[in-house]
Structure formats: C-alpha cells, structure tokens
Amino acid sequence: MMKNALIQKCPLRYRCPRLWNELEETEVDSVRFCNECERDVFLCLTEESYQKAIEQGLCVALQSEVEEELVLGMPETVYGAPADGQV
C-alpha cells in the first residue's frame, strides 16, 4: 500500500465523497465502476500506477494511513487539471 507521505505527494483536483465499497465491482479487482459519474476508478497502490492514472486522466482510489477508507478522486496533472479535461 502507498505510505501516507506518498499520498500527500498525490494531489487530487476533485475528492469524491463515494466509498470504494459502494462502487460496482468489475472483472478486475483493482478497478471499480462509479454509477454516479459513469467512470472506472482505479486502485493505485504505487507511485508508478498513480502516474499512469494521471497520464490517462483516470479516477483513482488511494490508500491512506490516516483514513480507514480509501480516498477516491481525480488526480491533478502537472498543470492542475485532469489529463482528459473531465471531472
């Protein structure tokens, strides 16, 4: 799992109020589907997977040592907006 220090280096442009367990399961354990925004949410357990999510404009779920639940949201790009321009 990502360490809290890494989570702090992973800014979110939008933090989703939904919970990982509320999202619809998919065929891939590390991917859930959000019926509210109709997007897949990708569990990022490494900085590398988080960087790939940024490049592809994906919604993410991040583990935090501070919070019990996974933190869901849309990551910021280098320029502060999602890669695909959507939220």
N, C-alpha and C. Protein backbone atom coordinates (compact mmCIF):
# COMPACT_ATOMS: atom_id res chain seq x y z
N MET A 1 0.83 -1.18 0.00
CA MET A 1 0.00 0.00 0.00
C MET A 1 0.87 1.25 0.00
N MET A 2 0.33 2.34 -0.54
CA MET A 2 1.06 3.60 -0.53
C MET A 2 1.20 4.09 0.91
N LYS A 3 2.29 4.68 1.21
CA LYS A 3 2.50 5.29 2.52
C LYS A 3 1.86 6.67 2.53
N ASN A 4 1.50 7.16 3.71
CA ASN A 4 0.86 8.46 3.84
C ASN A 4 1.68 9.56 3.19
N ALA A 5 3.02 9.50 3.31
CA ALA A 5 3.88 10.52 2.70
C ALA A 5 3.67 10.57 1.19
N LEU A 6 3.49 9.42 0.58
CA LEU A 6 3.26 9.36 -0.86
C LEU A 6 1.89 9.93 -1.20
N ILE A 7 0.89 9.61 -0.39
CA ILE A 7 -0.45 10.15 -0.61
C ILE A 7 -0.39 11.68 -0.62
N GLN A 8 0.39 12.26 0.28
CA GLN A 8 0.50 13.70 0.34
C GLN A 8 1.13 14.27 -0.92
N LYS A 9 1.93 13.47 -1.63
CA LYS A 9 2.53 13.91 -2.89
C LYS A 9 1.59 13.68 -4.06
N CYS A 10 0.41 13.13 -3.81
CA CYS A 10 -0.55 12.80 -4.86
C CYS A 10 -1.78 13.69 -4.73
N PRO A 11 -1.70 14.93 -5.18
CA PRO A 11 -2.83 15.85 -5.02
C PRO A 11 -4.03 15.45 -5.90
N LEU A 12 -5.20 15.67 -5.35
CA LEU A 12 -6.44 15.40 -6.08
C LEU A 12 -7.11 16.71 -6.43
N ARG A 13 -7.46 16.84 -7.71
CA ARG A 13 -8.21 18.02 -8.16
C ARG A 13 -9.63 17.96 -7.62
N TYR A 14 -10.16 16.76 -7.56
CA TYR A 14 -11.51 16.54 -7.06
C TYR A 14 -11.46 15.34 -6.13
N ARG A 15 -11.98 15.49 -4.92
CA ARG A 15 -12.07 14.38 -3.99
C ARG A 15 -13.52 13.89 -3.96
N CYS A 16 -13.70 12.65 -4.30
CA CYS A 16 -15.03 12.06 -4.42
C CYS A 16 -15.56 11.66 -3.04
N PRO A 17 -16.83 11.93 -2.76
CA PRO A 17 -17.41 11.55 -1.47
C PRO A 17 -17.81 10.07 -1.40
N ARG A 18 -17.79 9.38 -2.53
CA ARG A 18 -18.19 7.97 -2.56
C ARG A 18 -17.15 7.10 -1.86
N LEU A 19 -17.54 5.90 -1.47
CA LEU A 19 -16.66 4.94 -0.85
C LEU A 19 -16.36 3.81 -1.84
N TRP A 20 -15.14 3.29 -1.77
CA TRP A 20 -14.72 2.19 -2.64
C TRP A 20 -15.73 1.05 -2.60
N ASN A 21 -16.19 0.69 -1.40
CA ASN A 21 -17.11 -0.44 -1.26
C ASN A 21 -18.49 -0.16 -1.85
N GLU A 22 -18.81 1.09 -2.11
CA GLU A 22 -20.09 1.46 -2.73
C GLU A 22 -20.04 1.30 -4.24
N LEU A 23 -18.84 1.28 -4.80
CA LEU A 23 -18.70 1.21 -6.26
C LEU A 23 -18.93 -0.21 -6.75
N GLU A 24 -19.39 -0.31 -7.98
CA GLU A 24 -19.69 -1.60 -8.60
C GLU A 24 -18.40 -2.35 -8.93
N GLU A 25 -18.35 -3.60 -8.50
CA GLU A 25 -17.18 -4.43 -8.81
C GLU A 25 -17.11 -4.71 -10.30
N THR A 26 -15.88 -4.87 -10.81
CA THR A 26 -15.65 -5.22 -12.21
C THR A 26 -14.89 -6.54 -12.25
N GLU A 27 -14.53 -6.97 -13.44
CA GLU A 27 -13.77 -8.21 -13.59
C GLU A 27 -12.34 -8.07 -13.06
N VAL A 28 -11.89 -6.84 -12.89
CA VAL A 28 -10.53 -6.57 -12.40
C VAL A 28 -10.64 -6.11 -10.95
N ASP A 29 -9.94 -6.80 -10.03
CA ASP A 29 -10.03 -6.49 -8.60
C ASP A 29 -9.66 -5.04 -8.27
N SER A 30 -8.74 -4.47 -9.02
CA SER A 30 -8.25 -3.12 -8.71
C SER A 30 -9.02 -2.03 -9.46
N VAL A 31 -10.15 -2.37 -10.05
CA VAL A 31 -10.98 -1.39 -10.78
C VAL A 31 -12.43 -1.55 -10.34
N ARG A 32 -13.05 -0.43 -10.01
CA ARG A 32 -14.48 -0.40 -9.69
C ARG A 32 -15.14 0.62 -10.61
N PHE A 33 -16.45 0.47 -10.78
CA PHE A 33 -17.20 1.37 -11.64
C PHE A 33 -18.11 2.25 -10.80
N CYS A 34 -18.08 3.56 -11.04
CA CYS A 34 -18.94 4.51 -10.35
C CYS A 34 -20.16 4.79 -11.22
N ASN A 35 -21.33 4.40 -10.73
CA ASN A 35 -22.57 4.64 -11.48
C ASN A 35 -22.96 6.11 -11.49
N GLU A 36 -22.48 6.87 -10.50
CA GLU A 36 -22.83 8.29 -10.42
C GLU A 36 -22.16 9.10 -11.53
N CYS A 37 -20.85 8.91 -11.72
CA CYS A 37 -20.16 9.68 -12.76
C CYS A 37 -19.89 8.83 -14.01
N GLU A 38 -20.26 7.56 -13.95
CA GLU A 38 -20.12 6.62 -15.06
C GLU A 38 -18.68 6.51 -15.53
N ARG A 39 -17.76 6.36 -14.56
CA ARG A 39 -16.34 6.20 -14.85
C ARG A 39 -15.78 5.06 -14.03
N ASP A 40 -14.73 4.44 -14.56
CA ASP A 40 -13.98 3.45 -13.79
C ASP A 40 -13.10 4.18 -12.80
N VAL A 41 -12.88 3.57 -11.64
CA VAL A 41 -12.00 4.10 -10.61
C VAL A 41 -10.91 3.06 -10.39
N PHE A 42 -9.66 3.49 -10.51
CA PHE A 42 -8.52 2.59 -10.47
C PHE A 42 -7.78 2.69 -9.14
N LEU A 43 -7.60 1.55 -8.47
CA LEU A 43 -6.87 1.50 -7.21
C LEU A 43 -5.39 1.64 -7.52
N CYS A 44 -4.77 2.67 -6.97
CA CYS A 44 -3.34 2.93 -7.19
C CYS A 44 -2.58 2.60 -5.91
N LEU A 45 -1.76 1.57 -5.96
CA LEU A 45 -1.00 1.15 -4.80
C LEU A 45 0.46 1.56 -4.87
N THR A 46 0.87 2.11 -6.00
CA THR A 46 2.25 2.56 -6.16
C THR A 46 2.26 3.93 -6.81
N GLU A 47 3.37 4.61 -6.67
CA GLU A 47 3.50 5.92 -7.32
C GLU A 47 3.47 5.76 -8.83
N GLU A 48 4.01 4.66 -9.33
CA GLU A 48 4.01 4.40 -10.77
C GLU A 48 2.57 4.26 -11.30
N SER A 49 1.72 3.51 -10.58
CA SER A 49 0.34 3.35 -11.05
C SER A 49 -0.41 4.68 -10.96
N TYR A 50 -0.09 5.50 -9.96
CA TYR A 50 -0.70 6.82 -9.84
C TYR A 50 -0.28 7.71 -11.02
N GLN A 51 0.99 7.68 -11.40
CA GLN A 51 1.48 8.48 -12.54
C GLN A 51 0.79 8.05 -13.83
N LYS A 52 0.59 6.75 -14.02
CA LYS A 52 -0.11 6.26 -15.21
C LYS A 52 -1.55 6.76 -15.22
N ALA A 53 -2.18 6.79 -14.06
CA ALA A 53 -3.56 7.28 -13.96
C ALA A 53 -3.64 8.75 -14.35
N ILE A 54 -2.64 9.53 -13.90
CA ILE A 54 -2.59 10.95 -14.27
C ILE A 54 -2.49 11.10 -15.78
N GLU A 55 -1.57 10.34 -16.39
CA GLU A 55 -1.34 10.43 -17.83
C GLU A 55 -2.60 10.07 -18.63
N GLN A 56 -3.42 9.17 -18.08
CA GLN A 56 -4.60 8.70 -18.79
C GLN A 56 -5.88 9.40 -18.35
N GLY A 57 -5.77 10.34 -17.38
CA GLY A 57 -6.95 11.06 -16.92
C GLY A 57 -7.96 10.19 -16.20
N LEU A 58 -7.48 9.25 -15.37
CA LEU A 58 -8.34 8.29 -14.70
C LEU A 58 -8.69 8.73 -13.29
N CYS A 59 -9.85 8.32 -12.82
CA CYS A 59 -10.20 8.47 -11.42
C CYS A 59 -9.43 7.41 -10.63
N VAL A 60 -9.05 7.77 -9.40
CA VAL A 60 -8.20 6.87 -8.61
C VAL A 60 -8.76 6.63 -7.22
N ALA A 61 -8.29 5.55 -6.63
CA ALA A 61 -8.51 5.24 -5.21
C ALA A 61 -7.13 5.08 -4.60
N LEU A 62 -6.88 5.80 -3.50
CA LEU A 62 -5.58 5.77 -2.85
C LEU A 62 -5.74 5.34 -1.40
N GLN A 63 -4.79 4.54 -0.92
CA GLN A 63 -4.80 4.10 0.48
C GLN A 63 -4.11 5.16 1.33
N SER A 64 -4.70 5.45 2.47
CA SER A 64 -4.13 6.42 3.39
C SER A 64 -3.95 5.76 4.75
N GLU A 65 -2.84 6.05 5.40
CA GLU A 65 -2.64 5.54 6.76
C GLU A 65 -3.45 6.35 7.77
N VAL A 66 -3.86 7.54 7.38
CA VAL A 66 -4.61 8.43 8.28
C VAL A 66 -6.09 8.07 8.27
N GLU A 67 -6.63 7.76 7.11
CA GLU A 67 -8.05 7.45 6.99
C GLU A 67 -8.23 5.96 6.79
N GLU A 68 -9.30 5.42 7.36
CA GLU A 68 -9.56 3.99 7.24
C GLU A 68 -10.00 3.60 5.85
N GLU A 69 -10.79 4.45 5.21
CA GLU A 69 -11.30 4.17 3.87
C GLU A 69 -10.31 4.64 2.81
N LEU A 70 -10.43 4.07 1.63
CA LEU A 70 -9.64 4.55 0.50
C LEU A 70 -10.12 5.96 0.14
N VAL A 71 -9.20 6.79 -0.31
CA VAL A 71 -9.51 8.14 -0.76
C VAL A 71 -9.73 8.08 -2.26
N LEU A 72 -10.90 8.53 -2.73
CA LEU A 72 -11.24 8.48 -4.16
C LEU A 72 -11.21 9.89 -4.74
N GLY A 73 -10.81 9.98 -6.01
CA GLY A 73 -10.86 11.29 -6.65
C GLY A 73 -10.18 11.32 -8.00
N MET A 74 -10.11 12.53 -8.53
CA MET A 74 -9.48 12.79 -9.82
C MET A 74 -8.14 13.47 -9.55
N PRO A 75 -7.04 12.86 -9.97
CA PRO A 75 -5.74 13.48 -9.71
C PRO A 75 -5.50 14.73 -10.54
N GLU A 76 -4.65 15.59 -10.00
CA GLU A 76 -4.21 16.75 -10.75
C GLU A 76 -3.08 16.32 -11.68
N THR A 77 -2.99 16.99 -12.81
CA THR A 77 -1.83 16.81 -13.67
C THR A 77 -0.79 17.84 -13.26
N VAL A 78 0.28 17.89 -13.95
CA VAL A 78 1.30 18.89 -13.69
C VAL A 78 0.71 20.29 -13.78
N TYR A 79 -0.29 20.45 -14.60
CA TYR A 79 -0.90 21.75 -14.84
C TYR A 79 -2.13 22.00 -13.98
N GLY A 80 -2.48 21.05 -13.10
CA GLY A 80 -3.59 21.24 -12.18
C GLY A 80 -4.95 20.85 -12.70
N ALA A 81 -5.03 20.19 -13.85
CA ALA A 81 -6.31 19.75 -14.39
C ALA A 81 -6.16 18.31 -14.86
N PRO A 82 -7.27 17.55 -14.91
CA PRO A 82 -7.18 16.19 -15.39
C PRO A 82 -6.67 16.14 -16.83
N ALA A 83 -6.01 15.06 -17.16
CA ALA A 83 -5.43 14.91 -18.50
C ALA A 83 -6.49 14.98 -19.59
N ASP A 84 -7.70 14.45 -19.30
CA ASP A 84 -8.74 14.46 -20.33
C ASP A 84 -9.69 15.64 -20.19
N GLY A 85 -9.46 16.49 -19.19
CA GLY A 85 -10.28 17.68 -19.02
C GLY A 85 -11.63 17.43 -18.39
N GLN A 86 -11.91 16.20 -17.92
CA GLN A 86 -13.20 15.89 -17.33
C GLN A 86 -13.09 15.77 -15.82
N VAL A 87 -14.19 15.95 -15.17
CA VAL A 87 -14.29 15.70 -13.72
C VAL A 87 -15.49 14.83 -13.50
